[in-house]
């Protein structure tokens, strides 16, 4: 049996251990040569070990897995990728229209085995498919917000701001409606970074900059949004925020 050299790029330690353990049980031909916590260290490992296969998480801090195409050109990407993702259903549709292989978390061992079998039969360069999926995701008009066992679809333009509330996030819409979901604010920060109007202005707030009415230096720095809602701005975020707007020089 020919050995398959593989790398795991996953930011959660438990997910790393689980995936590695399942692979040892169901696919002994897969040799894990490196386990990485983020995309930049994963890119270094790929260049060093030249794997046949990469297990790549999509939702990671700083860089998401799809951004791997920013580190390699098409000719360099001579390895296959199996994405692992907890992405919600609207995004999964983008994967279904491409040839990219993906596994939903929590990973089912049988589905993992089937994905490895597909890799063994057909090793293709995923570069163009990743570009296609990325472009399709950017065009998505709605964000799926977890609500118990359901997903509530909300257009980004409907969101005024998001506020951290311990391990929950409160989402305030233009209509005045408020939604609370059991996701950390940082999870929304990663998901919304493709939507340029959103800005993390404070450790507890993400705002839709389209609805900023004014900025005030008083009280440590605040922005006023539509509906006269005032949101604090951290001192280290002021210049970055103001750089988003055209300023008249005195």
Protein backbone atom coordinates (compact mmCIF):
# COMPACT_ATOMS: atom_id res chain seq x y z
CA UNK A 1 0.00 0.00 0.00
CA UNK A 2 1.48 3.33 -1.07
CA UNK A 3 1.97 5.86 1.73
CA UNK A 4 0.07 9.16 1.50
CA UNK A 5 1.97 12.02 3.13
CA UNK A 6 -0.48 14.40 4.77
CA UNK A 7 -0.57 17.62 6.79
CA UNK A 8 -3.32 18.76 9.14
CA UNK A 9 -3.97 22.52 9.39
CA UNK A 10 -6.46 23.09 12.19
CA UNK A 11 -6.53 25.67 14.99
CA UNK A 12 -8.45 23.60 17.56
CA UNK A 13 -6.32 21.12 19.52
CA UNK A 14 -9.18 18.70 20.13
CA UNK A 15 -10.03 18.63 16.44
CA UNK A 16 -6.37 17.94 15.61
CA UNK A 17 -6.23 15.00 18.02
CA UNK A 18 -9.56 13.60 16.83
CA UNK A 19 -8.70 13.77 13.13
CA UNK A 20 -5.26 12.26 13.65
CA UNK A 21 -6.70 9.45 15.78
CA UNK A 22 -9.44 8.57 13.28
CA UNK A 23 -6.94 8.55 10.41
CA UNK A 24 -4.72 6.12 12.32
CA UNK A 25 -7.68 3.76 12.71
CA UNK A 26 -9.30 3.90 9.28
CA UNK A 27 -6.48 4.92 6.93
CA UNK A 28 -3.09 3.55 8.07
CA UNK A 29 -1.70 4.44 4.64
CA UNK A 30 -1.97 8.14 5.59
CA UNK A 31 1.20 9.38 7.30
CA UNK A 32 0.73 12.68 9.14
CA UNK A 33 4.04 14.50 8.66
CA UNK A 34 2.98 17.77 10.36
CA UNK A 35 0.13 19.29 12.38
CA UNK A 36 -0.21 23.09 12.21
CA UNK A 37 -2.31 25.59 14.16
CA UNK A 38 -2.81 28.20 11.43
CA UNK A 39 -2.46 28.80 7.71
CA UNK A 40 0.96 30.58 7.68
CA UNK A 41 2.63 27.75 9.63
CA UNK A 42 0.79 25.27 7.42
CA UNK A 43 2.20 26.91 4.29
CA UNK A 44 5.72 26.58 5.73
CA UNK A 45 5.08 22.89 6.46
CA UNK A 46 3.73 22.30 2.95
CA UNK A 47 6.84 23.81 1.39
CA UNK A 48 9.05 21.75 3.71
CA UNK A 49 7.37 18.33 3.57
CA UNK A 50 5.73 18.47 0.11
CA UNK A 51 2.64 16.47 1.11
CA UNK A 52 0.29 14.58 -1.16
CA UNK A 53 -2.76 15.64 0.83
CA UNK A 54 -3.68 18.51 3.17
CA UNK A 55 -6.56 18.47 5.65
CA UNK A 56 -7.42 22.15 5.91
CA UNK A 57 -9.85 23.82 8.30
CA UNK A 58 -11.72 26.75 6.78
CA UNK A 59 -12.63 28.76 9.86
CA UNK A 60 -9.37 29.83 11.51
CA UNK A 61 -8.20 33.11 13.08
CA UNK A 62 -6.45 35.69 10.85
CA UNK A 63 -6.54 33.55 7.69
CA UNK A 64 -9.31 31.20 6.61
CA UNK A 65 -8.43 28.01 4.78
CA UNK A 66 -9.65 29.25 1.40
CA UNK A 67 -6.95 31.91 1.47
CA UNK A 68 -4.35 29.24 0.76
CA UNK A 69 -4.51 30.36 -2.89
CA UNK A 70 -2.85 33.61 -1.78
CA UNK A 71 0.27 31.68 -0.76
CA UNK A 72 0.69 29.38 -3.78
CA UNK A 73 0.27 29.87 -7.50
CA UNK A 74 -1.55 27.26 -9.56
CA UNK A 75 1.61 25.44 -10.61
CA UNK A 76 2.83 25.16 -7.02
CA UNK A 77 -0.38 23.61 -5.73
CA UNK A 78 0.54 20.03 -6.60
CA UNK A 79 -1.18 18.60 -3.54
CA UNK A 80 -4.81 17.73 -2.91
CA UNK A 81 -6.94 19.37 -0.21
CA UNK A 82 -9.77 18.01 1.88
CA UNK A 83 -11.43 20.94 3.65
CA UNK A 84 -12.88 20.45 7.11
CA UNK A 85 -15.60 22.90 8.04
CA UNK A 86 -18.39 23.78 10.41
CA UNK A 87 -19.65 26.31 7.84
CA UNK A 88 -23.39 26.81 7.76
CA UNK A 89 -25.57 25.50 4.97
CA UNK A 90 -25.66 28.57 2.71
CA UNK A 91 -21.88 28.29 2.31
CA UNK A 92 -21.94 24.52 1.83
CA UNK A 93 -23.94 25.09 -1.35
CA UNK A 94 -20.87 26.76 -2.85
CA UNK A 95 -18.80 23.65 -2.18
CA UNK A 96 -21.43 21.39 -3.70
CA UNK A 97 -21.16 23.21 -7.03
CA UNK A 98 -17.39 22.62 -7.21
CA UNK A 99 -15.06 19.63 -7.34
CA UNK A 100 -13.56 20.46 -3.94
CA UNK A 101 -13.73 17.73 -1.33
CA UNK A 102 -14.95 18.78 2.10
CA UNK A 103 -16.01 17.20 5.38
CA UNK A 104 -18.50 18.68 7.81
CA UNK A 105 -17.59 18.81 11.48
CA UNK A 106 -17.96 16.72 13.56
CA UNK A 107 -16.19 14.51 11.04
CA UNK A 108 -17.80 11.16 10.37
CA UNK A 109 -15.17 8.37 10.03
CA UNK A 110 -17.01 6.76 7.11
CA UNK A 111 -17.14 10.06 5.21
CA UNK A 112 -13.45 10.61 5.95
CA UNK A 113 -12.61 7.17 4.57
CA UNK A 114 -14.66 7.86 1.44
CA UNK A 115 -12.85 11.19 0.91
CA UNK A 116 -9.46 9.46 1.13
CA UNK A 117 -10.63 6.80 -1.33
CA UNK A 118 -11.66 9.55 -3.76
CA UNK A 119 -8.25 11.17 -3.37
CA UNK A 120 -6.52 7.85 -4.13
CA UNK A 121 -8.50 7.45 -7.34
CA UNK A 122 -8.27 11.03 -8.54
CA UNK A 123 -5.64 13.50 -7.35
CA UNK A 124 -6.51 16.88 -8.89
CA UNK A 125 -5.15 20.40 -8.47
CA UNK A 126 -7.79 22.34 -6.45
CA UNK A 127 -6.54 25.87 -7.21
CA UNK A 128 -9.21 26.97 -9.70
CA UNK A 129 -12.02 25.34 -7.71
CA UNK A 130 -10.98 27.23 -4.57
CA UNK A 131 -11.01 30.52 -6.50
CA UNK A 132 -14.49 29.69 -7.79
CA UNK A 133 -15.85 28.87 -4.33
CA UNK A 134 -14.29 32.00 -2.82
CA UNK A 135 -15.89 34.23 -5.45
CA UNK A 136 -19.26 32.55 -4.96
CA UNK A 137 -19.09 33.03 -1.19
CA UNK A 138 -18.33 36.73 -1.66
CA UNK A 139 -21.52 37.07 -3.68
CA UNK A 140 -23.71 35.55 -0.99
CA UNK A 141 -26.33 38.06 -0.02
CA UNK A 142 -27.24 36.68 3.38
CA UNK A 143 -25.57 35.58 6.58
CA UNK A 144 -26.88 32.49 8.35
CA UNK A 145 -27.20 33.21 12.07
CA UNK A 146 -27.52 30.16 14.36
CA UNK A 147 -30.70 30.18 16.45
CA UNK A 148 -31.11 26.94 18.37
CA UNK A 149 -31.61 24.22 15.78
CA UNK A 150 -32.36 26.75 13.04
CA UNK A 151 -30.48 29.24 10.89
CA UNK A 152 -31.91 32.72 10.44
CA UNK A 153 -30.93 34.30 7.12
CA UNK A 154 -30.07 37.99 7.39
CA UNK A 155 -28.71 40.29 4.69
CA UNK A 156 -25.50 42.05 5.84
CA UNK A 157 -27.06 45.40 4.94
CA UNK A 158 -29.73 44.78 7.59
CA UNK A 159 -27.17 44.58 10.42
CA UNK A 160 -26.48 47.80 12.35
CA UNK A 161 -24.00 46.39 14.88
CA UNK A 162 -23.03 43.30 16.88
CA UNK A 163 -22.26 43.30 20.60
CA UNK A 164 -20.41 40.72 22.69
CA UNK A 165 -22.42 39.42 25.64
CA UNK A 166 -20.18 36.96 27.49
CA UNK A 167 -20.24 33.78 25.38
CA UNK A 168 -23.14 35.13 23.30
CA UNK A 169 -23.44 37.79 20.61
CA UNK A 170 -26.29 40.26 20.31
CA UNK A 171 -27.09 41.28 16.74
CA UNK A 172 -29.00 44.54 16.29
CA UNK A 173 -30.76 45.12 12.99
CA UNK A 174 -31.73 48.40 11.32
CA UNK A 175 -35.35 47.61 12.09
CA UNK A 176 -34.53 47.66 15.81
CA UNK A 177 -34.93 43.91 16.12
CA UNK A 178 -32.37 42.23 18.36
CA UNK A 179 -31.16 38.65 18.02
CA UNK A 180 -29.00 36.72 20.49
CA UNK A 181 -26.93 33.74 19.37
CA UNK A 182 -24.55 31.41 21.17
CA UNK A 183 -21.48 32.39 19.17
CA UNK A 184 -18.51 34.50 20.27
CA UNK A 185 -18.10 37.90 18.62
CA UNK A 186 -14.77 36.76 17.17
CA UNK A 187 -16.63 34.07 15.19
CA UNK A 188 -18.70 36.76 13.51
CA UNK A 189 -15.59 38.88 12.94
CA UNK A 190 -14.09 36.05 10.87
CA UNK A 191 -17.31 35.42 8.95
CA UNK A 192 -17.94 39.10 8.21
CA UNK A 193 -14.45 40.07 7.09
CA UNK A 194 -15.42 39.45 3.43
CA UNK A 195 -18.11 42.11 3.87
CA UNK A 196 -16.07 45.31 3.88
CA UNK A 197 -18.52 47.63 5.72
CA UNK A 198 -18.03 45.73 8.99
CA UNK A 199 -15.37 46.92 11.42
CA UNK A 200 -14.31 45.69 14.88
CA UNK A 201 -14.15 49.07 16.63
CA UNK A 202 -13.96 47.75 20.18
CA UNK A 203 -13.41 44.43 21.97
CA UNK A 204 -17.18 44.24 22.47
CA UNK A 205 -18.49 45.71 19.20
CA UNK A 206 -18.52 45.20 15.44
CA UNK A 207 -20.25 48.00 13.55
CA UNK A 208 -21.58 48.42 10.03
CA UNK A 209 -19.65 51.49 8.89
CA UNK A 210 -22.30 52.26 6.26
CA UNK A 211 -24.48 53.53 9.09
CA UNK A 212 -22.00 55.77 10.91
CA UNK A 213 -23.43 59.28 11.26
CA UNK A 214 -20.63 60.91 13.26
CA UNK A 215 -17.50 60.36 15.32
CA UNK A 216 -16.73 62.12 18.60
CA UNK A 217 -13.45 62.27 20.49
CA UNK A 218 -15.28 62.75 23.79
CA UNK A 219 -15.77 59.95 26.29
CA UNK A 220 -12.69 58.17 24.94
CA UNK A 221 -14.06 58.11 21.39
CA UNK A 222 -17.51 57.12 20.15
CA UNK A 223 -19.38 56.74 16.88
CA UNK A 224 -23.04 57.53 16.47
CA UNK A 225 -24.95 55.20 14.20
CA UNK A 226 -28.34 55.61 12.63
CA UNK A 227 -31.14 55.64 15.23
CA UNK A 228 -28.74 57.75 17.38
CA UNK A 229 -27.06 54.70 18.91
CA UNK A 230 -23.63 55.48 20.39
CA UNK A 231 -20.88 52.86 20.22
CA UNK A 232 -17.46 53.14 21.92
CA UNK A 233 -14.28 53.08 19.83
CA UNK A 234 -11.03 51.77 21.30
CA UNK A 235 -8.13 54.22 21.21
CA UNK A 236 -6.01 51.91 19.09
CA UNK A 237 -8.82 51.59 16.52
CA UNK A 238 -9.54 55.29 15.90
CA UNK A 239 -7.05 55.93 13.09
CA UNK A 240 -7.91 52.67 11.36
CA UNK A 241 -11.59 53.56 11.51
CA UNK A 242 -11.14 57.14 10.25
CA UNK A 243 -8.93 55.89 7.42
CA UNK A 244 -12.06 54.29 5.95
CA UNK A 245 -13.47 57.75 5.23
CA UNK A 246 -12.43 60.75 3.15
CA UNK A 247 -11.20 63.43 5.53
CA UNK A 248 -11.11 67.13 4.67
CA UNK A 249 -7.66 68.58 5.43
CA UNK A 250 -7.75 71.86 7.35
